[in-house]
């Protein structure tokens, strides 16, 4: 992962970094990134998958406690603009059809993140998202770059925050991002004190 993405660390474990998204769609937007160069959750070896799930659950609980709602997503190599696993967690809850308006036929519910490993071994790709405790994979035919970022930004009524490259050039959006990041860092510190 680029040093740019690791600019605002929240927690560092043996194999992962939890960081503030440098271009948050909303305050609380966190990334979980493995230190090793691995493409997606589905490619994690078992020992890393266990550590990742522990970290995911910890940040899920933090965001749920602090912001009352939580969703997550990972492109599973489809439409990645950064070719290194990075799982997004952010405060948000909606009907899954808000994110996938194409319809339920494009959604397959899964019971655990562990299932992504099996899906990746078989299909070599997936699109994963969760809303609260419910998890889905999405028909990969829908996948394009920034697929989930754009859709979550749209659902949160901030479509201008979907494309992090154009957001980076917008001084007003980056000023708001700085505030969101500082607020997230402070909430994380207080949560642990």
N, C-alpha and C. Protein backbone atom coordinates (compact mmCIF):
# COMPACT_ATOMS: atom_id res chain seq x y z
N UNK A 1 0.85 -1.19 0.00
CA UNK A 1 0.00 0.00 0.00
C UNK A 1 0.89 1.24 0.00
N UNK A 2 0.44 2.27 -0.67
CA UNK A 2 1.25 3.49 -0.73
C UNK A 2 1.30 4.15 0.64
N UNK A 3 2.40 4.87 0.89
CA UNK A 3 2.52 5.58 2.17
C UNK A 3 1.42 6.62 2.30
N UNK A 4 0.92 7.12 1.16
CA UNK A 4 -0.18 8.08 1.13
C UNK A 4 -1.40 7.51 1.85
N UNK A 5 -1.72 6.25 1.55
CA UNK A 5 -2.90 5.60 2.15
C UNK A 5 -2.72 5.34 3.64
N UNK A 6 -1.47 5.28 4.09
CA UNK A 6 -1.18 4.93 5.49
C UNK A 6 -0.91 6.16 6.35
N UNK A 7 -1.27 7.32 5.84
CA UNK A 7 -0.95 8.60 6.46
C UNK A 7 -1.54 8.79 7.86
N UNK A 8 -2.71 8.22 8.11
CA UNK A 8 -3.42 8.43 9.38
C UNK A 8 -3.72 7.10 10.07
N UNK A 9 -2.71 6.48 10.69
CA UNK A 9 -2.93 5.17 11.32
C UNK A 9 -3.81 5.28 12.57
N UNK A 10 -4.64 4.26 12.77
CA UNK A 10 -5.44 4.14 13.98
C UNK A 10 -4.90 2.99 14.84
N UNK A 11 -4.59 1.87 14.18
CA UNK A 11 -4.08 0.70 14.90
C UNK A 11 -3.20 -0.11 13.96
N UNK A 12 -2.08 -0.60 14.48
CA UNK A 12 -1.19 -1.45 13.70
C UNK A 12 -1.03 -2.76 14.45
N UNK A 13 -1.29 -3.87 13.75
CA UNK A 13 -1.13 -5.20 14.35
C UNK A 13 0.07 -5.86 13.65
N UNK A 14 0.29 -7.11 13.95
CA UNK A 14 1.42 -7.82 13.36
C UNK A 14 1.37 -7.80 11.82
N UNK A 15 0.17 -7.96 11.26
CA UNK A 15 0.05 -8.10 9.81
C UNK A 15 -0.87 -7.10 9.12
N UNK A 16 -1.47 -6.19 9.90
CA UNK A 16 -2.44 -5.25 9.32
C UNK A 16 -2.27 -3.83 9.85
N UNK A 17 -2.80 -2.92 9.07
CA UNK A 17 -2.91 -1.53 9.50
C UNK A 17 -4.38 -1.12 9.37
N UNK A 18 -4.91 -0.49 10.40
CA UNK A 18 -6.22 0.15 10.32
C UNK A 18 -5.93 1.65 10.24
N UNK A 19 -6.43 2.29 9.20
CA UNK A 19 -6.12 3.70 8.96
C UNK A 19 -7.39 4.47 8.61
N UNK A 20 -7.33 5.78 8.81
CA UNK A 20 -8.40 6.65 8.32
C UNK A 20 -8.28 6.72 6.80
N UNK A 21 -9.39 6.60 6.10
CA UNK A 21 -9.37 6.82 4.66
C UNK A 21 -8.96 8.28 4.43
N UNK A 22 -7.97 8.50 3.58
CA UNK A 22 -7.47 9.85 3.30
C UNK A 22 -8.54 10.68 2.57
N UNK A 23 -9.45 10.00 1.89
CA UNK A 23 -10.55 10.64 1.16
C UNK A 23 -11.87 10.07 1.67
N UNK A 24 -12.21 10.36 2.92
CA UNK A 24 -13.41 9.73 3.50
C UNK A 24 -14.70 10.16 2.80
N UNK A 25 -15.55 9.18 2.57
CA UNK A 25 -16.88 9.47 2.03
C UNK A 25 -17.71 10.14 3.13
N UNK A 26 -17.45 9.72 4.37
CA UNK A 26 -18.18 10.21 5.53
C UNK A 26 -17.24 10.08 6.73
N UNK A 27 -17.44 10.89 7.76
CA UNK A 27 -16.63 10.74 8.98
C UNK A 27 -16.77 9.32 9.51
N UNK A 28 -15.65 8.71 9.90
CA UNK A 28 -15.65 7.34 10.40
C UNK A 28 -15.16 6.35 9.36
N UNK A 29 -14.94 6.79 8.13
CA UNK A 29 -14.51 5.92 7.03
C UNK A 29 -13.09 5.41 7.32
N UNK A 30 -12.98 4.11 7.52
CA UNK A 30 -11.75 3.44 7.93
C UNK A 30 -11.35 2.38 6.90
N UNK A 31 -10.05 2.17 6.73
CA UNK A 31 -9.55 1.11 5.85
C UNK A 31 -8.76 0.10 6.66
N UNK A 32 -8.93 -1.17 6.36
CA UNK A 32 -8.11 -2.24 6.94
C UNK A 32 -7.25 -2.78 5.80
N UNK A 33 -5.92 -2.70 6.00
CA UNK A 33 -4.97 -2.99 4.93
C UNK A 33 -3.92 -3.97 5.42
N UNK A 34 -3.71 -5.09 4.72
CA UNK A 34 -2.63 -6.00 5.13
C UNK A 34 -1.27 -5.38 4.81
N UNK A 35 -0.27 -5.70 5.64
CA UNK A 35 1.09 -5.23 5.37
C UNK A 35 1.68 -5.93 4.16
N UNK A 36 1.40 -7.23 4.03
CA UNK A 36 1.89 -7.99 2.88
C UNK A 36 1.08 -7.61 1.65
N UNK A 37 1.71 -7.69 0.48
CA UNK A 37 1.00 -7.36 -0.76
C UNK A 37 0.10 -8.54 -1.15
N UNK A 38 -1.20 -8.39 -0.83
CA UNK A 38 -2.20 -9.41 -1.12
C UNK A 38 -3.35 -8.69 -1.81
N UNK A 39 -3.93 -9.32 -2.82
CA UNK A 39 -4.92 -8.64 -3.66
C UNK A 39 -6.27 -8.38 -2.99
N UNK A 40 -6.73 -9.33 -2.14
CA UNK A 40 -8.07 -9.20 -1.56
C UNK A 40 -8.24 -10.19 -0.40
N UNK A 41 -9.31 -10.03 0.37
CA UNK A 41 -9.60 -10.92 1.50
C UNK A 41 -9.56 -12.39 1.05
N UNK A 42 -10.14 -12.66 -0.10
CA UNK A 42 -10.22 -14.04 -0.59
C UNK A 42 -8.86 -14.69 -0.80
N UNK A 43 -7.81 -13.89 -0.90
CA UNK A 43 -6.45 -14.41 -1.11
C UNK A 43 -5.64 -14.48 0.19
N UNK A 44 -6.23 -14.08 1.33
CA UNK A 44 -5.50 -14.14 2.60
C UNK A 44 -5.23 -15.58 2.99
N UNK A 45 -4.01 -15.90 3.43
CA UNK A 45 -3.80 -17.23 4.03
C UNK A 45 -4.61 -17.32 5.34
N UNK A 46 -4.89 -18.54 5.80
CA UNK A 46 -5.78 -18.74 6.96
C UNK A 46 -5.37 -17.95 8.20
N UNK A 47 -4.05 -17.90 8.52
CA UNK A 47 -3.63 -17.18 9.72
C UNK A 47 -3.94 -15.68 9.60
N UNK A 48 -3.77 -15.12 8.40
CA UNK A 48 -4.09 -13.70 8.19
C UNK A 48 -5.59 -13.47 8.20
N UNK A 49 -6.34 -14.41 7.66
CA UNK A 49 -7.79 -14.28 7.64
C UNK A 49 -8.34 -14.19 9.06
N UNK A 50 -7.81 -15.02 9.95
CA UNK A 50 -8.25 -14.99 11.35
C UNK A 50 -7.92 -13.64 11.99
N UNK A 51 -6.69 -13.16 11.78
CA UNK A 51 -6.29 -11.86 12.35
C UNK A 51 -7.14 -10.74 11.75
N UNK A 52 -7.40 -10.82 10.44
CA UNK A 52 -8.22 -9.82 9.78
C UNK A 52 -9.63 -9.79 10.37
N UNK A 53 -10.24 -10.96 10.54
CA UNK A 53 -11.61 -11.02 11.07
C UNK A 53 -11.66 -10.42 12.48
N UNK A 54 -10.65 -10.70 13.30
CA UNK A 54 -10.59 -10.09 14.64
C UNK A 54 -10.54 -8.56 14.54
N UNK A 55 -9.69 -8.06 13.65
CA UNK A 55 -9.55 -6.61 13.47
C UNK A 55 -10.84 -6.01 12.88
N UNK A 56 -11.40 -6.69 11.90
CA UNK A 56 -12.66 -6.25 11.29
C UNK A 56 -13.74 -6.13 12.36
N UNK A 57 -13.86 -7.17 13.19
CA UNK A 57 -14.89 -7.15 14.25
C UNK A 57 -14.65 -6.02 15.24
N UNK A 58 -13.39 -5.77 15.56
CA UNK A 58 -13.05 -4.69 16.49
C UNK A 58 -13.47 -3.33 15.91
N UNK A 59 -13.17 -3.09 14.64
CA UNK A 59 -13.52 -1.80 14.03
C UNK A 59 -15.01 -1.72 13.71
N UNK A 60 -15.62 -2.84 13.38
CA UNK A 60 -17.07 -2.88 13.21
C UNK A 60 -17.72 -2.39 14.51
N UNK A 61 -17.27 -2.96 15.64
CA UNK A 61 -17.86 -2.60 16.94
C UNK A 61 -17.60 -1.14 17.29
N UNK A 62 -16.39 -0.66 17.01
CA UNK A 62 -16.04 0.74 17.26
C UNK A 62 -16.97 1.67 16.46
N UNK A 63 -17.11 1.43 15.16
CA UNK A 63 -17.93 2.31 14.32
C UNK A 63 -19.40 2.21 14.73
N UNK A 64 -19.85 1.00 15.04
CA UNK A 64 -21.24 0.80 15.49
C UNK A 64 -21.50 1.58 16.79
N UNK A 65 -20.55 1.50 17.73
CA UNK A 65 -20.69 2.19 19.02
C UNK A 65 -20.65 3.71 18.84
N UNK A 66 -19.68 4.18 18.08
CA UNK A 66 -19.47 5.62 17.94
C UNK A 66 -20.44 6.30 16.97
N UNK A 67 -20.82 5.60 15.91
CA UNK A 67 -21.62 6.23 14.85
C UNK A 67 -23.00 5.56 14.68
N UNK A 68 -23.28 4.51 15.45
CA UNK A 68 -24.58 3.81 15.51
C UNK A 68 -24.90 2.96 14.28
N UNK A 69 -24.09 3.01 13.24
CA UNK A 69 -24.37 2.19 12.06
C UNK A 69 -23.06 1.90 11.33
N UNK A 70 -23.03 0.78 10.61
CA UNK A 70 -21.79 0.42 9.92
C UNK A 70 -22.07 -0.46 8.69
N UNK A 71 -21.33 -0.16 7.65
CA UNK A 71 -21.32 -0.97 6.43
C UNK A 71 -19.87 -1.19 6.04
N UNK A 72 -19.63 -2.13 5.14
CA UNK A 72 -18.27 -2.36 4.67
C UNK A 72 -18.31 -2.81 3.22
N UNK A 73 -17.15 -2.70 2.57
CA UNK A 73 -17.06 -3.22 1.20
C UNK A 73 -15.61 -3.49 0.82
N UNK A 74 -15.48 -4.40 -0.14
CA UNK A 74 -14.19 -4.68 -0.77
C UNK A 74 -14.47 -5.14 -2.19
N UNK A 75 -13.64 -4.68 -3.12
CA UNK A 75 -13.86 -5.00 -4.54
C UNK A 75 -13.36 -6.38 -4.94
N UNK A 76 -12.58 -7.04 -4.11
CA UNK A 76 -12.14 -8.39 -4.45
C UNK A 76 -11.51 -8.49 -5.83
N UNK A 77 -10.69 -7.56 -6.18
CA UNK A 77 -9.92 -7.34 -7.42
C UNK A 77 -10.74 -6.84 -8.60
N UNK A 78 -12.05 -6.75 -8.49
CA UNK A 78 -12.86 -6.19 -9.58
C UNK A 78 -12.91 -4.68 -9.40
N UNK A 79 -12.48 -3.97 -10.40
CA UNK A 79 -12.58 -2.51 -10.34
C UNK A 79 -11.68 -1.87 -9.31
N UNK A 80 -10.67 -2.58 -8.83
CA UNK A 80 -9.74 -1.97 -7.89
C UNK A 80 -9.00 -0.84 -8.59
N UNK A 81 -8.84 0.28 -7.90
CA UNK A 81 -7.99 1.36 -8.41
C UNK A 81 -6.66 1.35 -7.66
N UNK A 82 -6.62 0.64 -6.55
CA UNK A 82 -5.39 0.39 -5.80
C UNK A 82 -5.27 -1.13 -5.73
N UNK A 83 -4.20 -1.69 -6.29
CA UNK A 83 -4.10 -3.15 -6.44
C UNK A 83 -3.47 -3.81 -5.22
N UNK A 84 -4.12 -3.61 -4.08
CA UNK A 84 -3.68 -4.15 -2.80
C UNK A 84 -4.94 -4.19 -1.94
N UNK A 85 -5.17 -5.27 -1.26
CA UNK A 85 -6.37 -5.40 -0.45
C UNK A 85 -6.55 -4.20 0.47
N UNK A 86 -7.72 -3.64 0.46
CA UNK A 86 -8.09 -2.58 1.41
C UNK A 86 -9.61 -2.65 1.59
N UNK A 87 -10.00 -2.94 2.82
CA UNK A 87 -11.41 -3.13 3.14
C UNK A 87 -11.93 -1.86 3.80
N UNK A 88 -13.01 -1.34 3.26
CA UNK A 88 -13.62 -0.11 3.75
C UNK A 88 -14.67 -0.43 4.80
N UNK A 89 -14.64 0.29 5.92
CA UNK A 89 -15.74 0.28 6.89
C UNK A 89 -16.16 1.73 7.07
N UNK A 90 -17.48 1.96 7.09
CA UNK A 90 -17.95 3.32 7.24
C UNK A 90 -19.33 3.34 7.88
N UNK A 91 -19.64 4.44 8.55
CA UNK A 91 -20.96 4.55 9.18
C UNK A 91 -22.04 4.73 8.12
N UNK A 92 -22.91 3.76 8.01
CA UNK A 92 -23.98 3.84 7.01
C UNK A 92 -24.85 2.61 7.14
N UNK A 93 -26.16 2.79 6.99
CA UNK A 93 -27.10 1.67 6.93
C UNK A 93 -28.19 2.04 5.92
N UNK A 94 -28.54 1.08 5.07
CA UNK A 94 -29.63 1.28 4.11
C UNK A 94 -30.11 -0.09 3.66
N UNK A 95 -31.09 -0.09 2.80
CA UNK A 95 -31.53 -1.31 2.14
C UNK A 95 -30.44 -1.66 1.11
N UNK A 96 -30.09 -2.94 0.96
CA UNK A 96 -29.04 -3.29 -0.02
C UNK A 96 -29.37 -2.85 -1.45
N UNK A 97 -30.67 -2.71 -1.75
CA UNK A 97 -31.06 -2.29 -3.10
C UNK A 97 -30.77 -0.81 -3.35
N UNK A 98 -30.44 -0.07 -2.30
CA UNK A 98 -29.97 1.30 -2.47
C UNK A 98 -28.59 1.27 -3.12
N UNK A 99 -27.79 0.28 -2.77
CA UNK A 99 -26.44 0.11 -3.32
C UNK A 99 -26.49 -0.66 -4.65
N UNK A 100 -27.39 -1.63 -4.73
CA UNK A 100 -27.54 -2.46 -5.94
C UNK A 100 -28.97 -2.31 -6.47
N UNK A 101 -29.29 -1.15 -7.07
CA UNK A 101 -30.65 -0.94 -7.57
C UNK A 101 -31.02 -1.84 -8.75
N UNK A 102 -30.02 -2.53 -9.31
CA UNK A 102 -30.29 -3.45 -10.42
C UNK A 102 -31.19 -4.61 -10.00
N UNK A 103 -31.26 -4.87 -8.67
CA UNK A 103 -32.20 -5.87 -8.18
C UNK A 103 -31.56 -7.01 -7.42
N UNK A 104 -32.40 -7.73 -6.67
CA UNK A 104 -31.95 -8.83 -5.80
C UNK A 104 -31.28 -9.96 -6.56
N UNK A 105 -31.62 -10.12 -7.84
CA UNK A 105 -31.01 -11.21 -8.61
C UNK A 105 -29.50 -11.02 -8.75
N UNK A 106 -29.01 -9.81 -8.49
CA UNK A 106 -27.57 -9.52 -8.56
C UNK A 106 -26.88 -9.73 -7.21
N UNK A 107 -27.65 -10.08 -6.18
CA UNK A 107 -27.13 -10.24 -4.82
C UNK A 107 -27.17 -11.70 -4.38
N UNK A 108 -26.11 -12.15 -3.72
CA UNK A 108 -26.10 -13.46 -3.06
C UNK A 108 -25.68 -13.23 -1.62
N UNK A 109 -26.57 -13.57 -0.70
CA UNK A 109 -26.24 -13.37 0.72
C UNK A 109 -25.20 -14.41 1.15
N UNK A 110 -24.25 -13.98 1.96
CA UNK A 110 -23.27 -14.90 2.54
C UNK A 110 -23.34 -14.77 4.06
N UNK A 111 -22.91 -15.81 4.76
CA UNK A 111 -23.05 -15.84 6.22
C UNK A 111 -21.79 -15.37 6.94
N UNK A 112 -20.65 -15.32 6.24
CA UNK A 112 -19.39 -15.00 6.90
C UNK A 112 -18.38 -14.48 5.89
N UNK A 113 -17.48 -13.64 6.34
CA UNK A 113 -16.39 -13.16 5.50
C UNK A 113 -15.52 -14.33 5.04
N UNK A 114 -15.44 -15.38 5.84
CA UNK A 114 -14.62 -16.55 5.49
C UNK A 114 -15.02 -17.15 4.14
N UNK A 115 -16.28 -17.01 3.77
CA UNK A 115 -16.79 -17.55 2.51
C UNK A 115 -16.08 -16.92 1.31
N UNK A 116 -15.57 -15.70 1.47
CA UNK A 116 -14.91 -15.01 0.35
C UNK A 116 -13.70 -15.79 -0.15
N UNK A 117 -13.05 -16.50 0.76
CA UNK A 117 -11.88 -17.31 0.38
C UNK A 117 -12.29 -18.41 -0.61
N UNK A 118 -13.36 -19.08 -0.31
CA UNK A 118 -13.89 -20.14 -1.17
C UNK A 118 -14.35 -19.57 -2.53
N UNK A 119 -15.06 -18.45 -2.47
CA UNK A 119 -15.56 -17.82 -3.70
C UNK A 119 -14.38 -17.38 -4.57
N UNK A 120 -13.36 -16.79 -3.95
CA UNK A 120 -12.20 -16.32 -4.71
C UNK A 120 -11.44 -17.48 -5.34
N UNK A 121 -11.30 -18.58 -4.59
CA UNK A 121 -10.60 -19.75 -5.15
C UNK A 121 -11.34 -20.29 -6.37
N UNK A 122 -12.66 -20.26 -6.32
CA UNK A 122 -13.47 -20.80 -7.40
C UNK A 122 -13.62 -19.82 -8.57
N UNK A 123 -13.97 -18.57 -8.26
CA UNK A 123 -14.33 -17.58 -9.29
C UNK A 123 -13.18 -16.64 -9.68
N UNK A 124 -12.15 -16.54 -8.81
CA UNK A 124 -11.01 -15.63 -9.00
C UNK A 124 -11.38 -14.15 -8.88
N UNK A 125 -12.61 -13.88 -8.42
CA UNK A 125 -13.06 -12.50 -8.24
C UNK A 125 -14.36 -12.48 -7.44
N UNK A 126 -14.67 -11.33 -6.90
CA UNK A 126 -15.95 -11.11 -6.23
C UNK A 126 -16.11 -9.62 -5.95
N UNK A 127 -17.31 -9.20 -5.63
CA UNK A 127 -17.62 -7.88 -5.09
C UNK A 127 -18.34 -8.15 -3.77
N UNK A 128 -17.79 -7.64 -2.67
CA UNK A 128 -18.34 -7.91 -1.34
C UNK A 128 -18.79 -6.62 -0.66
N UNK A 129 -19.97 -6.66 -0.03
CA UNK A 129 -20.34 -5.56 0.86
C UNK A 129 -21.23 -6.07 1.97
N UNK A 130 -21.28 -5.27 3.03
CA UNK A 130 -22.14 -5.59 4.15
C UNK A 130 -22.88 -4.33 4.58
N UNK A 131 -24.05 -4.55 5.15
CA UNK A 131 -24.81 -3.49 5.81
C UNK A 131 -25.22 -4.07 7.15
N UNK A 132 -24.73 -3.45 8.19
CA UNK A 132 -24.86 -3.96 9.55
C UNK A 132 -24.29 -5.38 9.56
N UNK A 133 -25.03 -6.39 10.00
CA UNK A 133 -24.49 -7.76 10.07
C UNK A 133 -24.76 -8.58 8.81
N UNK A 134 -25.53 -8.01 7.87
CA UNK A 134 -25.86 -8.74 6.65
C UNK A 134 -24.76 -8.56 5.61
N UNK A 135 -24.39 -9.65 4.91
CA UNK A 135 -23.30 -9.62 3.95
C UNK A 135 -23.74 -10.22 2.62
N UNK A 136 -23.21 -9.63 1.54
CA UNK A 136 -23.54 -10.11 0.20
C UNK A 136 -22.31 -10.10 -0.70
N UNK A 137 -22.38 -10.93 -1.73
CA UNK A 137 -21.52 -10.73 -2.89
C UNK A 137 -22.45 -10.29 -4.01
N UNK A 138 -21.89 -9.52 -4.92
CA UNK A 138 -22.65 -8.92 -6.02
C UNK A 138 -22.18 -9.55 -7.32
N UNK A 139 -23.11 -9.76 -8.24
CA UNK A 139 -22.77 -10.30 -9.56
C UNK A 139 -21.58 -9.50 -10.12
N UNK A 140 -20.47 -10.19 -10.40
CA UNK A 140 -19.26 -9.48 -10.84
C UNK A 140 -19.41 -8.77 -12.18
N UNK A 141 -20.46 -9.11 -12.95
CA UNK A 141 -20.66 -8.44 -14.24
C UNK A 141 -20.94 -6.94 -14.06
N UNK A 142 -21.36 -6.53 -12.86
CA UNK A 142 -21.64 -5.12 -12.59
C UNK A 142 -20.36 -4.32 -12.29
N UNK A 143 -19.28 -5.02 -11.98
CA UNK A 143 -18.08 -4.38 -11.46
C UNK A 143 -17.36 -3.46 -12.43
N UNK A 144 -17.08 -2.26 -11.95
CA UNK A 144 -16.28 -1.26 -12.67
C UNK A 144 -15.39 -0.57 -11.63
N UNK A 145 -14.37 0.17 -12.05
CA UNK A 145 -13.54 0.88 -11.06
C UNK A 145 -14.40 1.79 -10.15
N UNK A 146 -14.05 1.78 -8.86
CA UNK A 146 -14.73 2.56 -7.81
C UNK A 146 -16.19 2.15 -7.64
N UNK A 147 -16.54 0.94 -8.02
CA UNK A 147 -17.93 0.48 -7.99
C UNK A 147 -18.63 0.84 -6.68
N UNK A 148 -18.11 0.34 -5.55
CA UNK A 148 -18.77 0.59 -4.27
C UNK A 148 -18.56 2.01 -3.77
N UNK A 149 -17.38 2.57 -3.96
CA UNK A 149 -17.13 3.96 -3.50
C UNK A 149 -18.17 4.89 -4.10
N UNK A 150 -18.38 4.79 -5.42
CA UNK A 150 -19.34 5.67 -6.08
C UNK A 150 -20.77 5.42 -5.57
N UNK A 151 -21.12 4.16 -5.39
CA UNK A 151 -22.48 3.85 -4.97
C UNK A 151 -22.75 4.25 -3.51
N UNK A 152 -21.78 4.03 -2.64
CA UNK A 152 -21.97 4.47 -1.25
C UNK A 152 -21.99 6.00 -1.17
N UNK A 153 -21.13 6.66 -1.93
CA UNK A 153 -21.11 8.13 -1.94
C UNK A 153 -22.46 8.66 -2.43
N UNK A 154 -23.00 8.04 -3.47
CA UNK A 154 -24.31 8.43 -4.00
C UNK A 154 -25.39 8.22 -2.93
N UNK A 155 -25.37 7.07 -2.27
CA UNK A 155 -26.37 6.75 -1.25
C UNK A 155 -26.29 7.70 -0.05
N UNK A 156 -25.09 8.22 0.21
CA UNK A 156 -24.89 9.17 1.30
C UNK A 156 -25.08 10.62 0.84
N UNK A 157 -25.55 10.80 -0.40
CA UNK A 157 -25.81 12.13 -0.99
C UNK A 157 -24.56 12.99 -1.11
N UNK A 158 -23.41 12.33 -1.30
CA UNK A 158 -22.15 13.05 -1.54
C UNK A 158 -21.44 12.43 -2.76
N UNK A 159 -22.10 12.43 -3.92
CA UNK A 159 -21.51 11.76 -5.09
C UNK A 159 -20.12 12.30 -5.45
N UNK A 160 -19.86 13.56 -5.10
CA UNK A 160 -18.56 14.17 -5.39
C UNK A 160 -17.42 13.53 -4.60
N UNK A 161 -17.75 12.73 -3.58
CA UNK A 161 -16.71 12.04 -2.79
C UNK A 161 -16.45 10.61 -3.28
N UNK A 162 -17.13 10.19 -4.32
CA UNK A 162 -16.92 8.85 -4.86
C UNK A 162 -15.56 8.71 -5.51
N UNK A 163 -15.20 9.66 -6.35
CA UNK A 163 -13.93 9.61 -7.05
C UNK A 163 -12.86 10.31 -6.21
N UNK A 164 -12.01 9.51 -5.55
CA UNK A 164 -11.01 10.09 -4.65
C UNK A 164 -9.98 10.92 -5.41
N UNK A 165 -9.75 10.62 -6.69
CA UNK A 165 -8.76 11.38 -7.47
C UNK A 165 -9.24 12.82 -7.72
N UNK A 166 -10.52 12.99 -8.06
CA UNK A 166 -11.03 14.35 -8.26
C UNK A 166 -11.27 15.03 -6.91
N UNK A 167 -11.65 14.25 -5.90
CA UNK A 167 -11.83 14.79 -4.55
C UNK A 167 -10.52 15.40 -4.05
N UNK A 168 -9.41 14.73 -4.35
CA UNK A 168 -8.08 15.16 -3.90
C UNK A 168 -7.73 16.55 -4.43
N UNK A 169 -8.30 16.93 -5.57
CA UNK A 169 -8.00 18.22 -6.20
C UNK A 169 -8.96 19.32 -5.74
N UNK A 170 -9.96 18.95 -4.94
CA UNK A 170 -10.98 19.90 -4.49
C UNK A 170 -10.65 20.35 -3.06
N UNK A 171 -10.20 21.60 -2.93
CA UNK A 171 -9.75 22.12 -1.64
C UNK A 171 -10.83 22.07 -0.57
N UNK A 172 -12.06 22.39 -0.94
CA UNK A 172 -13.17 22.39 0.02
C UNK A 172 -13.43 20.97 0.53
N UNK A 173 -13.47 19.99 -0.37
CA UNK A 173 -13.70 18.59 0.04
C UNK A 173 -12.55 18.08 0.89
N UNK A 174 -11.31 18.45 0.56
CA UNK A 174 -10.16 17.98 1.32
C UNK A 174 -10.08 18.65 2.70
N UNK A 175 -10.58 19.86 2.80
CA UNK A 175 -10.67 20.53 4.10
C UNK A 175 -11.67 19.79 4.99
N UNK A 176 -12.81 19.41 4.42
CA UNK A 176 -13.81 18.62 5.15
C UNK A 176 -13.23 17.26 5.52
N UNK A 177 -12.47 16.66 4.59
CA UNK A 177 -11.84 15.36 4.86
C UNK A 177 -10.91 15.44 6.06
N UNK A 178 -10.14 16.50 6.13
CA UNK A 178 -9.19 16.70 7.24
C UNK A 178 -9.95 16.74 8.58
N UNK A 179 -11.06 17.46 8.60
CA UNK A 179 -11.90 17.54 9.81
C UNK A 179 -12.47 16.16 10.16
N UNK A 180 -12.98 15.45 9.15
CA UNK A 180 -13.53 14.11 9.37
C UNK A 180 -12.47 13.17 9.94
N UNK A 181 -11.25 13.25 9.40
CA UNK A 181 -10.15 12.39 9.85
C UNK A 181 -9.78 12.72 11.30
N UNK A 182 -9.66 14.00 11.62
CA UNK A 182 -9.33 14.41 12.99
C UNK A 182 -10.40 13.94 13.97
N UNK A 183 -11.67 14.07 13.58
CA UNK A 183 -12.77 13.63 14.45
C UNK A 183 -12.71 12.12 14.67
N UNK A 184 -12.44 11.36 13.60
CA UNK A 184 -12.32 9.91 13.71
C UNK A 184 -11.15 9.54 14.63
N UNK A 185 -10.01 10.17 14.44
CA UNK A 185 -8.84 9.89 15.29
C UNK A 185 -9.17 10.16 16.76
N UNK A 186 -9.83 11.26 17.04
CA UNK A 186 -10.20 11.61 18.42
C UNK A 186 -11.18 10.60 19.01
N UNK A 187 -12.16 10.21 18.23
CA UNK A 187 -13.13 9.21 18.71
C UNK A 187 -12.44 7.88 19.00
N UNK A 188 -11.50 7.49 18.15
CA UNK A 188 -10.75 6.22 18.37
C UNK A 188 -9.95 6.30 19.67
N UNK A 189 -9.27 7.43 19.90
CA UNK A 189 -8.48 7.62 21.13
C UNK A 189 -9.38 7.52 22.36
N UNK A 190 -10.51 8.23 22.32
CA UNK A 190 -11.45 8.23 23.46
C UNK A 190 -12.05 6.84 23.68
N UNK A 191 -12.34 6.15 22.60
CA UNK A 191 -12.92 4.81 22.66
C UNK A 191 -11.99 3.86 23.40
N UNK A 192 -10.69 4.10 23.27
CA UNK A 192 -9.69 3.23 23.91
C UNK A 192 -9.18 3.73 25.25
N UNK A 193 -9.67 4.87 25.71
CA UNK A 193 -9.17 5.37 27.01
C UNK A 193 -10.08 4.99 28.16
